[in-house]
Amino acid sequence: MANFILHPQLEKDSVLVTELVLCSVRLINDANYPWLILVPRIANISDIIDLNAAQQQMLWQESALVSRVLKYLFTPDKLNIAALGNMVPQLHLHHIARYQNDVSWPKPIWGQVPSKVYSGEQLMQRIELIKTEIEARRGT
């Protein structure tokens, strides 16, 4: 993890929520959707299969944790999880709470509408809410 550097686009588009064993949990700065990404802090990887077996297992455990938090806090109609990497090659796993009445439903979120940036206060409140719930559920 020592050589890990976050991709500049992920740095620009998201804010750190907390650090888990393997991944950084980051909130995408788009208030259209509750949207987190998990970024494994492993240098030079682009696909899940680039992780060793233990790291893959940890990624899925951390993904399940983040998924449970999003479902509990935001009660979405559907939770989308994706590892695309077409625009940003560094491995990151999207977790997006979707609603039948959101601005992009039922289409994928990418390219549908412009991002809606959180206000400073909204961003801090959202981060604190998610971080507190993750911390409460860690180890359960």
C-alpha atoms as a PDB file:
ATOM      1  CA  MET A   1       0.000   0.000   0.000  1.00  0.00           C
ATOM      2  CA  ALA A   2       3.029   2.254   0.388  1.00  0.00           C
ATOM      3  CA  ASN A   3       3.290   3.002  -3.357  1.00  0.00           C
ATOM      4  CA  PHE A   4      -0.432   3.636  -3.785  1.00  0.00           C
ATOM      5  CA  ILE A   5      -1.402   6.995  -5.314  1.00  0.00           C
ATOM      6  CA  LEU A   6      -5.049   7.921  -5.883  1.00  0.00           C
ATOM      7  CA  HIS A   7      -5.839   8.663  -9.538  1.00  0.00           C
ATOM      8  CA  PRO A   8      -6.209  12.452 -10.044  1.00  0.00           C
ATOM      9  CA  GLN A   9      -9.721  12.124 -11.495  1.00  0.00           C
ATOM     10  CA  LEU A  10     -10.922  10.182  -8.444  1.00  0.00           C
ATOM     11  CA  GLU A  11      -9.282  12.790  -6.216  1.00  0.00           C
ATOM     12  CA  LYS A  12     -11.094  15.551  -8.120  1.00  0.00           C
ATOM     13  CA  ASP A  13     -14.519  13.871  -8.184  1.00  0.00           C
ATOM     14  CA  SER A  14     -14.710  12.485  -4.649  1.00  0.00           C
ATOM     15  CA  VAL A  15     -14.063  13.139  -0.982  1.00  0.00           C
ATOM     16  CA  LEU A  16     -12.660  10.706   1.570  1.00  0.00           C
ATOM     17  CA  VAL A  17     -15.217   9.267   3.983  1.00  0.00           C
ATOM     18  CA  THR A  18     -13.070   6.710   5.813  1.00  0.00           C
ATOM     19  CA  GLU A  19     -10.384   4.065   5.404  1.00  0.00           C
ATOM     20  CA  LEU A  20     -11.154   0.371   5.670  1.00  0.00           C
ATOM     21  CA  VAL A  21      -8.591  -2.441   5.813  1.00  0.00           C
ATOM     22  CA  LEU A  22      -8.132  -2.600   2.021  1.00  0.00           C
ATOM     23  CA  CYS A  23     -10.082   0.297   0.561  1.00  0.00           C
ATOM     24  CA  SER A  24     -10.606   3.986   0.860  1.00  0.00           C
ATOM     25  CA  VAL A  25     -14.307   4.815   0.968  1.00  0.00           C
ATOM     26  CA  ARG A  26     -14.974   7.979  -1.016  1.00  0.00           C
ATOM     27  CA  LEU A  27     -18.164   9.956  -1.636  1.00  0.00           C
ATOM     28  CA  ILE A  28     -18.660  11.109  -5.212  1.00  0.00           C
ATOM     29  CA  ASN A  29     -19.481  14.816  -5.145  1.00  0.00           C
ATOM     30  CA  ASP A  30     -22.791  14.466  -7.007  1.00  0.00           C
ATOM     31  CA  ALA A  31     -25.916  15.078  -4.951  1.00  0.00           C
ATOM     32  CA  ASN A  32     -28.101  13.506  -7.655  1.00  0.00           C
ATOM     33  CA  TYR A  33     -27.415  10.117  -6.054  1.00  0.00           C
ATOM     34  CA  PRO A  34     -26.008   8.667  -2.839  1.00  0.00           C
ATOM     35  CA  TRP A  35     -22.814   7.388  -4.497  1.00  0.00           C
ATOM     36  CA  LEU A  36     -19.735   5.882  -2.904  1.00  0.00           C
ATOM     37  CA  ILE A  37     -16.650   4.320  -4.409  1.00  0.00           C
ATOM     38  CA  LEU A  38     -14.290   1.812  -2.867  1.00  0.00           C
ATOM     39  CA  VAL A  39     -10.686   2.224  -3.983  1.00  0.00           C
ATOM     40  CA  PRO A  40      -8.298  -0.576  -2.989  1.00  0.00           C
ATOM     41  CA  ARG A  41      -5.052   1.025  -1.814  1.00  0.00           C
ATOM     42  CA  ILE A  42      -2.927  -1.262  -4.009  1.00  0.00           C
ATOM     43  CA  ALA A  43      -0.637   0.311  -6.604  1.00  0.00           C
ATOM     44  CA  ASN A  44      -0.939  -0.352 -10.327  1.00  0.00           C
ATOM     45  CA  ILE A  45      -4.134  -2.404 -10.479  1.00  0.00           C
ATOM     46  CA  SER A  46      -7.044  -1.931 -12.840  1.00  0.00           C
ATOM     47  CA  ASP A  47      -9.202  -5.039 -12.451  1.00  0.00           C
ATOM     48  CA  ILE A  48     -10.509  -7.112  -9.563  1.00  0.00           C
ATOM     49  CA  ILE A  49      -8.544 -10.120 -10.813  1.00  0.00           C
ATOM     50  CA  ASP A  50      -5.334  -8.105 -10.270  1.00  0.00           C
ATOM     51  CA  LEU A  51      -5.915  -8.512  -6.532  1.00  0.00           C
ATOM     52  CA  ASN A  52      -4.735 -11.681  -4.821  1.00  0.00           C
ATOM     53  CA  ALA A  53      -7.358 -14.059  -3.393  1.00  0.00           C
ATOM     54  CA  ALA A  54      -7.252 -12.569   0.120  1.00  0.00           C
ATOM     55  CA  GLN A  55      -7.552  -9.033  -1.262  1.00  0.00           C
ATOM     56  CA  GLN A  56     -10.490 -10.069  -3.458  1.00  0.00           C
ATOM     57  CA  GLN A  57     -12.247 -11.533  -0.429  1.00  0.00           C
ATOM     58  CA  MET A  58     -11.583  -8.349   1.562  1.00  0.00           C
ATOM     59  CA  LEU A  59     -12.907  -6.218  -1.309  1.00  0.00           C
ATOM     60  CA  TRP A  60     -16.178  -8.169  -1.337  1.00  0.00           C
ATOM     61  CA  GLN A  61     -16.483  -7.929   2.453  1.00  0.00           C
ATOM     62  CA  GLU A  62     -15.927  -4.179   2.342  1.00  0.00           C
ATOM     63  CA  SER A  63     -18.331  -3.866  -0.598  1.00  0.00           C
ATOM     64  CA  ALA A  64     -20.994  -5.709   1.406  1.00  0.00           C
ATOM     65  CA  LEU A  65     -20.427  -3.361   4.357  1.00  0.00           C
ATOM     66  CA  VAL A  66     -20.778  -0.246   2.193  1.00  0.00           C
ATOM     67  CA  SER A  67     -23.827  -1.751   0.459  1.00  0.00           C
ATOM     68  CA  ARG A  68     -25.563  -2.421   3.769  1.00  0.00           C
ATOM     69  CA  VAL A  69     -24.825   1.128   4.918  1.00  0.00           C
ATOM     70  CA  LEU A  70     -26.257   2.654   1.732  1.00  0.00           C
ATOM     71  CA  LYS A  71     -29.375   0.467   1.889  1.00  0.00           C
ATOM     72  CA  TYR A  72     -29.924   1.290   5.570  1.00  0.00           C
ATOM     73  CA  LEU A  73     -29.344   5.042   5.312  1.00  0.00           C
ATOM     74  CA  PHE A  74     -30.969   5.763   1.950  1.00  0.00           C
ATOM     75  CA  THR A  75     -33.463   2.891   1.325  1.00  0.00           C
ATOM     76  CA  PRO A  76     -32.941   2.843  -2.455  1.00  0.00           C
ATOM     77  CA  ASP A  77     -35.174   1.009  -4.895  1.00  0.00           C
ATOM     78  CA  LYS A  78     -32.009  -0.572  -6.325  1.00  0.00           C
ATOM     79  CA  LEU A  79     -28.344  -0.565  -5.399  1.00  0.00           C
ATOM     80  CA  ASN A  80     -26.032  -0.529  -8.423  1.00  0.00           C
ATOM     81  CA  ILE A  81     -22.490  -1.838  -8.008  1.00  0.00           C
ATOM     82  CA  ALA A  82     -20.026  -1.539 -10.873  1.00  0.00           C
ATOM     83  CA  ALA A  83     -16.314  -1.671 -11.661  1.00  0.00           C
ATOM     84  CA  LEU A  84     -16.020  -0.070 -15.090  1.00  0.00           C
ATOM     85  CA  GLY A  85     -12.716   1.750 -15.398  1.00  0.00           C
ATOM     86  CA  ASN A  86     -13.191   2.936 -18.964  1.00  0.00           C
ATOM     87  CA  MET A  87     -12.379   6.546 -18.065  1.00  0.00           C
ATOM     88  CA  VAL A  88     -10.270   5.977 -14.933  1.00  0.00           C
ATOM     89  CA  PRO A  89      -8.092   2.859 -15.157  1.00  0.00           C
ATOM     90  CA  GLN A  90      -7.366   2.608 -11.416  1.00  0.00           C
ATOM     91  CA  LEU A  91      -9.550  -0.068  -9.815  1.00  0.00           C
ATOM     92  CA  HIS A  92     -12.522   1.442  -8.037  1.00  0.00           C
ATOM     93  CA  LEU A  93     -15.916  -0.032  -7.267  1.00  0.00           C
ATOM     94  CA  HIS A  94     -19.007   2.190  -7.566  1.00  0.00           C
ATOM     95  CA  HIS A  95     -21.915   1.787  -5.125  1.00  0.00           C
ATOM     96  CA  ILE A  96     -24.875   3.892  -6.264  1.00  0.00           C
ATOM     97  CA  ALA A  97     -28.255   4.111  -4.554  1.00  0.00           C
ATOM     98  CA  ARG A  98     -30.925   4.405  -7.254  1.00  0.00           C
ATOM     99  CA  TYR A  99     -34.565   5.393  -7.088  1.00  0.00           C
ATOM    100  CA  GLN A 100     -37.360   5.022  -9.593  1.00  0.00           C
ATOM    101  CA  ASN A 101     -37.811   8.800  -9.411  1.00  0.00           C
ATOM    102  CA  ASP A 102     -34.122   9.812  -9.710  1.00  0.00           C
ATOM    103  CA  VAL A 103     -33.025  12.028 -12.600  1.00  0.00           C
ATOM    104  CA  SER A 104     -31.562   9.167 -14.648  1.00  0.00           C
ATOM    105  CA  TRP A 105     -33.880   6.246 -13.901  1.00  0.00           C
ATOM    106  CA  PRO A 106     -33.954   3.641 -15.429  1.00  0.00           C
ATOM    107  CA  LYS A 107     -30.836   4.447 -17.453  1.00  0.00           C
ATOM    108  CA  PRO A 108     -27.254   4.255 -16.168  1.00  0.00           C
ATOM    109  CA  ILE A 109     -26.172   7.451 -14.424  1.00  0.00           C
ATOM    110  CA  TRP A 110     -23.206   8.240 -16.642  1.00  0.00           C
ATOM    111  CA  GLY A 111     -23.808  10.947 -19.240  1.00  0.00           C
ATOM    112  CA  GLN A 112     -27.470  11.480 -18.399  1.00  0.00           C
ATOM    113  CA  VAL A 113     -27.469  14.760 -16.451  1.00  0.00           C
ATOM    114  CA  PRO A 114     -24.799  17.152 -15.169  1.00  0.00           C
ATOM    115  CA  SER A 115     -23.392  16.516 -11.707  1.00  0.00           C
ATOM    116  CA  LYS A 116     -25.067  18.407  -8.886  1.00  0.00           C
ATOM    117  CA  VAL A 117     -22.299  19.377  -6.467  1.00  0.00           C
ATOM    118  CA  TYR A 118     -23.087  19.236  -2.747  1.00  0.00           C
ATOM    119  CA  SER A 119     -22.899  22.484  -0.811  1.00  0.00           C
ATOM    120  CA  GLY A 120     -20.060  22.510   1.726  1.00  0.00           C
ATOM    121  CA  GLU A 121     -22.433  21.876   4.625  1.00  0.00           C
ATOM    122  CA  GLN A 122     -24.359  19.146   2.767  1.00  0.00           C
ATOM    123  CA  LEU A 123     -21.086  17.426   1.890  1.00  0.00           C
ATOM    124  CA  MET A 124     -19.822  17.430   5.469  1.00  0.00           C
ATOM    125  CA  GLN A 125     -23.178  16.190   6.809  1.00  0.00           C
ATOM    126  CA  ARG A 126     -23.336  13.373   4.241  1.00  0.00           C
ATOM    127  CA  ILE A 127     -19.766  12.288   4.979  1.00  0.00           C
ATOM    128  CA  GLU A 128     -20.364  12.291   8.738  1.00  0.00           C
ATOM    129  CA  LEU A 129     -23.614  10.326   8.367  1.00  0.00           C
ATOM    130  CA  ILE A 130     -21.985   7.626   6.235  1.00  0.00           C
ATOM    131  CA  LYS A 131     -18.777   7.478   8.257  1.00  0.00           C
ATOM    132  CA  THR A 132     -20.678   7.102  11.526  1.00  0.00           C
ATOM    133  CA  GLU A 133     -22.757   4.224  10.145  1.00  0.00           C
ATOM    134  CA  ILE A 134     -19.717   2.465   8.671  1.00  0.00           C
ATOM    135  CA  GLU A 135     -17.881   2.756  11.983  1.00  0.00           C
ATOM    136  CA  ALA A 136     -20.925   1.391  13.849  1.00  0.00           C
ATOM    137  CA  ARG A 137     -21.090  -1.660  11.554  1.00  0.00           C
ATOM    138  CA  ARG A 138     -17.386  -2.487  11.305  1.00  0.00           C
ATOM    139  CA  GLY A 139     -16.665  -5.892  12.708  1.00  0.00           C
ATOM    140  CA  THR A 140     -20.296  -7.027  12.609  1.00  0.00           C
END
